Amino acid sequence: MELPGDEFDCPHCADSHTVREDPDGFSPGLGFRKLYVECPAVDGIIVWALSKDSSPGGS
């Protein structure tokens, strides 16, 4: 799973985008980080979530 600062190979275009984290995240208390990339091919943003206790190499 990509983390903030990683390059994301976009399935919507032939480019890669830098993963960013939304500091406001989702609703408080949900325990998820809100990660996204900006892609002009989809006219905006691709968003996904990562649990806050996930760490690189963890399960």
N, C-alpha and C. Protein backbone atom coordinates (compact mmCIF):
# COMPACT_ATOMS: atom_id res chain seq x y z
N MET A 1 0.85 -1.17 0.00
CA MET A 1 0.00 0.00 0.00
C MET A 1 0.89 1.23 0.00
N GLU A 2 0.58 2.16 -0.86
CA GLU A 2 1.35 3.38 -0.94
C GLU A 2 1.10 4.26 0.29
N LEU A 3 2.11 4.98 0.68
CA LEU A 3 2.04 5.91 1.80
C LEU A 3 2.33 7.31 1.30
N PRO A 4 2.03 8.34 2.11
CA PRO A 4 2.30 9.71 1.68
C PRO A 4 3.75 9.88 1.22
N GLY A 5 3.91 10.51 0.05
CA GLY A 5 5.23 10.71 -0.53
C GLY A 5 5.61 9.66 -1.56
N ASP A 6 4.92 8.51 -1.53
CA ASP A 6 5.17 7.46 -2.52
C ASP A 6 4.57 7.85 -3.86
N GLU A 7 5.07 7.23 -4.92
CA GLU A 7 4.49 7.41 -6.24
C GLU A 7 3.41 6.36 -6.45
N PHE A 8 2.28 6.78 -7.01
CA PHE A 8 1.15 5.90 -7.29
C PHE A 8 1.00 5.78 -8.80
N ASP A 9 1.11 4.57 -9.33
CA ASP A 9 0.92 4.33 -10.76
C ASP A 9 -0.57 4.31 -11.03
N CYS A 10 -1.06 5.39 -11.61
CA CYS A 10 -2.49 5.61 -11.79
C CYS A 10 -3.09 4.67 -12.84
N PRO A 11 -4.20 3.99 -12.49
CA PRO A 11 -4.87 3.13 -13.46
C PRO A 11 -5.72 3.90 -14.47
N HIS A 12 -5.88 5.21 -14.25
CA HIS A 12 -6.73 6.03 -15.11
C HIS A 12 -5.97 6.81 -16.18
N CYS A 13 -4.67 6.91 -16.02
CA CYS A 13 -3.86 7.63 -17.01
C CYS A 13 -2.48 6.98 -17.08
N ALA A 14 -1.66 7.45 -17.96
CA ALA A 14 -0.33 6.86 -18.14
C ALA A 14 0.73 7.59 -17.32
N ASP A 15 0.33 8.11 -16.18
CA ASP A 15 1.24 8.91 -15.36
C ASP A 15 1.28 8.35 -13.95
N SER A 16 2.23 8.83 -13.16
CA SER A 16 2.25 8.50 -11.74
C SER A 16 2.02 9.79 -10.97
N HIS A 17 1.44 9.64 -9.79
CA HIS A 17 1.10 10.79 -8.96
C HIS A 17 1.67 10.57 -7.56
N THR A 18 1.97 11.66 -6.88
CA THR A 18 2.47 11.58 -5.51
C THR A 18 1.30 11.43 -4.54
N VAL A 19 1.39 10.42 -3.67
CA VAL A 19 0.36 10.20 -2.66
C VAL A 19 0.46 11.28 -1.60
N ARG A 20 -0.69 11.81 -1.23
CA ARG A 20 -0.76 12.84 -0.18
C ARG A 20 -1.74 12.38 0.90
N GLU A 21 -1.62 12.99 2.07
CA GLU A 21 -2.54 12.68 3.16
C GLU A 21 -3.35 13.91 3.49
N ASP A 22 -4.65 13.75 3.61
CA ASP A 22 -5.53 14.83 4.01
C ASP A 22 -5.44 14.95 5.53
N PRO A 23 -4.92 16.08 6.05
CA PRO A 23 -4.75 16.21 7.50
C PRO A 23 -6.08 16.21 8.25
N ASP A 24 -7.17 16.55 7.57
CA ASP A 24 -8.48 16.55 8.21
C ASP A 24 -9.08 15.14 8.25
N GLY A 25 -8.56 14.26 7.42
CA GLY A 25 -9.00 12.87 7.41
C GLY A 25 -10.49 12.71 7.18
N PHE A 26 -11.04 11.67 7.78
CA PHE A 26 -12.47 11.41 7.72
C PHE A 26 -13.09 11.94 9.01
N SER A 27 -14.22 11.47 9.41
CA SER A 27 -14.85 11.91 10.65
C SER A 27 -13.96 11.55 11.84
N PRO A 28 -13.87 12.44 12.83
CA PRO A 28 -13.05 12.15 14.01
C PRO A 28 -13.47 10.84 14.68
N GLY A 29 -12.50 10.10 15.13
CA GLY A 29 -12.77 8.87 15.86
C GLY A 29 -12.90 7.62 14.99
N LEU A 30 -12.87 7.76 13.67
CA LEU A 30 -13.00 6.58 12.82
C LEU A 30 -11.72 5.75 12.78
N GLY A 31 -10.59 6.38 13.04
CA GLY A 31 -9.34 5.63 13.06
C GLY A 31 -8.75 5.32 11.71
N PHE A 32 -9.04 6.16 10.71
CA PHE A 32 -8.48 5.97 9.37
C PHE A 32 -7.76 7.21 8.89
N ARG A 33 -6.68 7.00 8.15
CA ARG A 33 -5.99 8.10 7.48
C ARG A 33 -6.59 8.23 6.09
N LYS A 34 -6.78 9.44 5.61
CA LYS A 34 -7.35 9.69 4.29
C LYS A 34 -6.22 10.03 3.33
N LEU A 35 -5.93 9.11 2.42
CA LEU A 35 -4.87 9.30 1.43
C LEU A 35 -5.50 9.58 0.08
N TYR A 36 -4.80 10.35 -0.75
CA TYR A 36 -5.36 10.68 -2.06
C TYR A 36 -4.26 11.03 -3.04
N VAL A 37 -4.62 11.00 -4.32
CA VAL A 37 -3.79 11.52 -5.40
C VAL A 37 -4.70 12.38 -6.27
N GLU A 38 -4.11 13.36 -6.93
CA GLU A 38 -4.85 14.19 -7.86
C GLU A 38 -4.59 13.67 -9.26
N CYS A 39 -5.67 13.37 -9.99
CA CYS A 39 -5.54 12.84 -11.35
C CYS A 39 -6.44 13.63 -12.30
N PRO A 40 -5.86 14.30 -13.29
CA PRO A 40 -6.67 15.07 -14.23
C PRO A 40 -7.56 14.18 -15.11
N ALA A 41 -7.22 12.91 -15.26
CA ALA A 41 -8.01 12.01 -16.10
C ALA A 41 -9.38 11.73 -15.51
N VAL A 42 -9.52 11.86 -14.19
CA VAL A 42 -10.81 11.65 -13.54
C VAL A 42 -11.38 12.96 -13.02
N ASP A 43 -10.85 14.06 -13.52
CA ASP A 43 -11.32 15.40 -13.13
C ASP A 43 -11.29 15.63 -11.62
N GLY A 44 -10.27 15.15 -10.98
CA GLY A 44 -10.20 15.42 -9.55
C GLY A 44 -9.29 14.51 -8.78
N ILE A 45 -9.86 13.89 -7.76
CA ILE A 45 -9.07 13.20 -6.76
C ILE A 45 -9.50 11.74 -6.63
N ILE A 46 -8.52 10.86 -6.44
CA ILE A 46 -8.77 9.46 -6.12
C ILE A 46 -8.44 9.32 -4.63
N VAL A 47 -9.39 8.83 -3.84
CA VAL A 47 -9.24 8.76 -2.39
C VAL A 47 -9.30 7.31 -1.92
N TRP A 48 -8.51 6.98 -0.91
CA TRP A 48 -8.62 5.69 -0.23
C TRP A 48 -8.27 5.88 1.22
N ALA A 49 -8.52 4.87 2.03
CA ALA A 49 -8.29 4.96 3.47
C ALA A 49 -7.27 3.92 3.90
N LEU A 50 -6.58 4.24 4.97
CA LEU A 50 -5.60 3.34 5.58
C LEU A 50 -5.81 3.43 7.07
N SER A 51 -5.90 2.31 7.76
CA SER A 51 -6.12 2.38 9.20
C SER A 51 -4.94 3.08 9.86
N LYS A 52 -5.21 3.85 10.89
CA LYS A 52 -4.17 4.64 11.55
C LYS A 52 -3.10 3.77 12.19
N ASP A 53 -3.43 2.54 12.55
CA ASP A 53 -2.43 1.68 13.18
C ASP A 53 -1.66 0.84 12.18
N SER A 54 -1.91 1.05 10.87
CA SER A 54 -1.13 0.34 9.85
C SER A 54 0.27 0.92 9.79
N SER A 55 1.23 0.05 9.59
CA SER A 55 2.59 0.50 9.45
C SER A 55 3.22 -0.26 8.29
N PRO A 56 4.25 0.33 7.66
CA PRO A 56 4.89 -0.38 6.56
C PRO A 56 5.36 -1.76 7.01
N GLY A 57 5.02 -2.77 6.23
CA GLY A 57 5.42 -4.12 6.56
C GLY A 57 4.51 -4.81 7.54
N GLY A 58 3.52 -4.08 8.07
CA GLY A 58 2.58 -4.68 9.02
C GLY A 58 1.46 -5.39 8.31
N SER A 59 0.62 -6.03 9.10
CA SER A 59 -0.51 -6.75 8.49
C SER A 59 -1.81 -6.07 8.79
